[in-house]
């Protein structure tokens, strides 16, 4: 997986960032903001990621 660069262009609408959570059951959750998408790997994830 490749994440977008922190800044690609000018202004907030061109920014991208993400939070990575290591969850029980060997699951990984990436919550993307602005221009970055959400991703999930591993065990069952029953939590809601929320809006991006």
N, C-alpha and C. Protein backbone atom coordinates (compact mmCIF):
# COMPACT_ATOMS: atom_id res chain seq x y z
N UNK A 1 0.83 -1.16 0.00
CA UNK A 1 0.00 0.00 0.00
C UNK A 1 0.89 1.23 0.00
N UNK A 2 0.48 2.25 -0.72
CA UNK A 2 1.18 3.53 -0.74
C UNK A 2 0.22 4.61 -0.25
N UNK A 3 0.68 5.39 0.72
CA UNK A 3 -0.12 6.51 1.20
C UNK A 3 0.24 7.76 0.42
N UNK A 4 -0.71 8.65 0.25
CA UNK A 4 -0.46 9.92 -0.42
C UNK A 4 0.52 10.75 0.40
N UNK A 5 1.23 11.62 -0.27
CA UNK A 5 2.15 12.53 0.44
C UNK A 5 1.34 13.48 1.31
N UNK A 6 1.98 14.02 2.34
CA UNK A 6 1.29 14.93 3.26
C UNK A 6 0.77 16.16 2.54
N UNK A 7 1.51 16.67 1.58
CA UNK A 7 1.06 17.84 0.82
C UNK A 7 1.35 17.60 -0.66
N UNK A 8 0.31 17.62 -1.44
CA UNK A 8 0.42 17.53 -2.90
C UNK A 8 -0.33 18.71 -3.48
N UNK A 9 0.31 19.83 -3.63
CA UNK A 9 -0.35 21.04 -4.08
C UNK A 9 -0.53 22.00 -2.91
N UNK A 10 -1.33 23.04 -3.14
CA UNK A 10 -1.52 24.05 -2.10
C UNK A 10 -2.92 23.92 -1.49
N UNK A 11 -3.04 24.35 -0.26
CA UNK A 11 -4.34 24.38 0.42
C UNK A 11 -4.73 23.06 1.03
N UNK A 12 -5.63 23.11 2.02
CA UNK A 12 -6.06 21.91 2.73
C UNK A 12 -6.71 20.86 1.83
N UNK A 13 -7.38 21.28 0.77
CA UNK A 13 -8.06 20.33 -0.11
C UNK A 13 -7.08 19.40 -0.84
N UNK A 14 -5.80 19.73 -0.85
CA UNK A 14 -4.79 18.90 -1.49
C UNK A 14 -3.95 18.11 -0.49
N UNK A 15 -4.23 18.23 0.79
CA UNK A 15 -3.48 17.51 1.81
C UNK A 15 -4.04 16.11 2.03
N UNK A 16 -3.22 15.24 2.59
CA UNK A 16 -3.65 13.89 2.95
C UNK A 16 -2.88 13.46 4.18
N UNK A 17 -3.57 12.77 5.10
CA UNK A 17 -2.88 12.20 6.25
C UNK A 17 -3.69 11.01 6.75
N UNK A 18 -3.06 10.19 7.59
CA UNK A 18 -3.72 8.99 8.06
C UNK A 18 -3.26 8.65 9.47
N UNK A 19 -4.14 7.95 10.20
CA UNK A 19 -3.82 7.39 11.51
C UNK A 19 -3.79 5.87 11.36
N UNK A 20 -2.81 5.22 11.95
CA UNK A 20 -2.70 3.76 11.89
C UNK A 20 -2.95 3.21 13.29
N UNK A 21 -3.90 2.27 13.40
CA UNK A 21 -4.21 1.62 14.66
C UNK A 21 -3.89 0.13 14.55
N UNK A 22 -3.20 -0.41 15.54
CA UNK A 22 -2.97 -1.84 15.66
C UNK A 22 -4.02 -2.38 16.62
N UNK A 23 -4.89 -3.24 16.13
CA UNK A 23 -6.04 -3.71 16.89
C UNK A 23 -5.83 -5.15 17.37
N UNK A 24 -6.59 -5.59 18.37
CA UNK A 24 -6.52 -6.98 18.82
C UNK A 24 -6.81 -7.93 17.66
N UNK A 25 -6.22 -9.10 17.72
CA UNK A 25 -6.46 -10.08 16.66
C UNK A 25 -5.60 -9.84 15.43
N UNK A 26 -4.49 -9.14 15.60
CA UNK A 26 -3.56 -8.87 14.49
C UNK A 26 -4.20 -8.09 13.35
N UNK A 27 -5.10 -7.20 13.66
CA UNK A 27 -5.74 -6.36 12.65
C UNK A 27 -5.05 -4.99 12.61
N UNK A 28 -4.99 -4.43 11.43
CA UNK A 28 -4.44 -3.09 11.22
C UNK A 28 -5.53 -2.25 10.57
N UNK A 29 -5.75 -1.07 11.13
CA UNK A 29 -6.73 -0.15 10.56
C UNK A 29 -6.02 1.16 10.25
N UNK A 30 -6.17 1.64 9.01
CA UNK A 30 -5.65 2.94 8.60
C UNK A 30 -6.87 3.82 8.34
N UNK A 31 -6.97 4.90 9.09
CA UNK A 31 -8.07 5.86 8.91
C UNK A 31 -7.51 7.05 8.14
N UNK A 32 -8.00 7.22 6.92
CA UNK A 32 -7.52 8.30 6.07
C UNK A 32 -8.35 9.56 6.22
N UNK A 33 -7.71 10.68 6.03
CA UNK A 33 -8.37 11.98 6.11
C UNK A 33 -8.03 12.79 4.87
N UNK A 34 -8.94 13.68 4.55
CA UNK A 34 -8.85 14.52 3.35
C UNK A 34 -8.72 13.64 2.11
N UNK A 35 -7.58 13.58 1.44
CA UNK A 35 -7.46 12.84 0.19
C UNK A 35 -7.01 11.39 0.37
N UNK A 36 -6.82 10.94 1.60
CA UNK A 36 -6.39 9.55 1.84
C UNK A 36 -7.59 8.68 2.15
N UNK A 37 -7.58 7.45 1.66
CA UNK A 37 -8.67 6.50 1.89
C UNK A 37 -8.41 5.66 3.14
N UNK A 38 -9.48 5.03 3.66
CA UNK A 38 -9.37 4.10 4.77
C UNK A 38 -8.93 2.74 4.24
N UNK A 39 -8.22 1.97 5.08
CA UNK A 39 -7.78 0.61 4.73
C UNK A 39 -7.89 -0.25 5.97
N UNK A 40 -8.10 -1.57 5.77
CA UNK A 40 -8.14 -2.52 6.89
C UNK A 40 -7.49 -3.82 6.45
N UNK A 41 -6.74 -4.45 7.37
CA UNK A 41 -6.15 -5.76 7.14
C UNK A 41 -6.28 -6.59 8.38
N UNK A 42 -6.30 -7.89 8.21
CA UNK A 42 -6.24 -8.79 9.35
C UNK A 42 -7.58 -9.21 9.86
N UNK A 43 -7.62 -9.50 11.18
CA UNK A 43 -8.80 -10.04 11.85
C UNK A 43 -10.03 -9.18 11.70
N UNK A 44 -11.15 -9.71 12.18
CA UNK A 44 -12.41 -8.97 12.06
C UNK A 44 -12.36 -7.66 12.83
N UNK A 45 -12.74 -6.60 12.17
CA UNK A 45 -12.79 -5.27 12.78
C UNK A 45 -14.25 -4.90 12.90
N UNK A 46 -14.74 -4.81 14.14
CA UNK A 46 -16.16 -4.54 14.37
C UNK A 46 -16.43 -3.10 14.70
N UNK A 47 -15.37 -2.29 14.80
CA UNK A 47 -15.55 -0.89 15.14
C UNK A 47 -15.85 -0.07 13.88
N UNK A 48 -16.54 1.02 14.05
CA UNK A 48 -16.80 1.94 12.96
C UNK A 48 -15.59 2.84 12.78
N UNK A 49 -15.18 3.07 11.54
CA UNK A 49 -14.04 3.94 11.26
C UNK A 49 -14.45 5.40 11.36
N UNK A 50 -15.67 5.73 11.01
CA UNK A 50 -16.12 7.12 11.07
C UNK A 50 -15.93 7.83 9.77
N UNK A 51 -16.42 9.05 9.66
CA UNK A 51 -16.32 9.81 8.40
C UNK A 51 -14.90 10.25 8.11
N UNK A 52 -14.63 10.40 6.83
CA UNK A 52 -13.31 10.91 6.42
C UNK A 52 -13.46 12.24 5.74
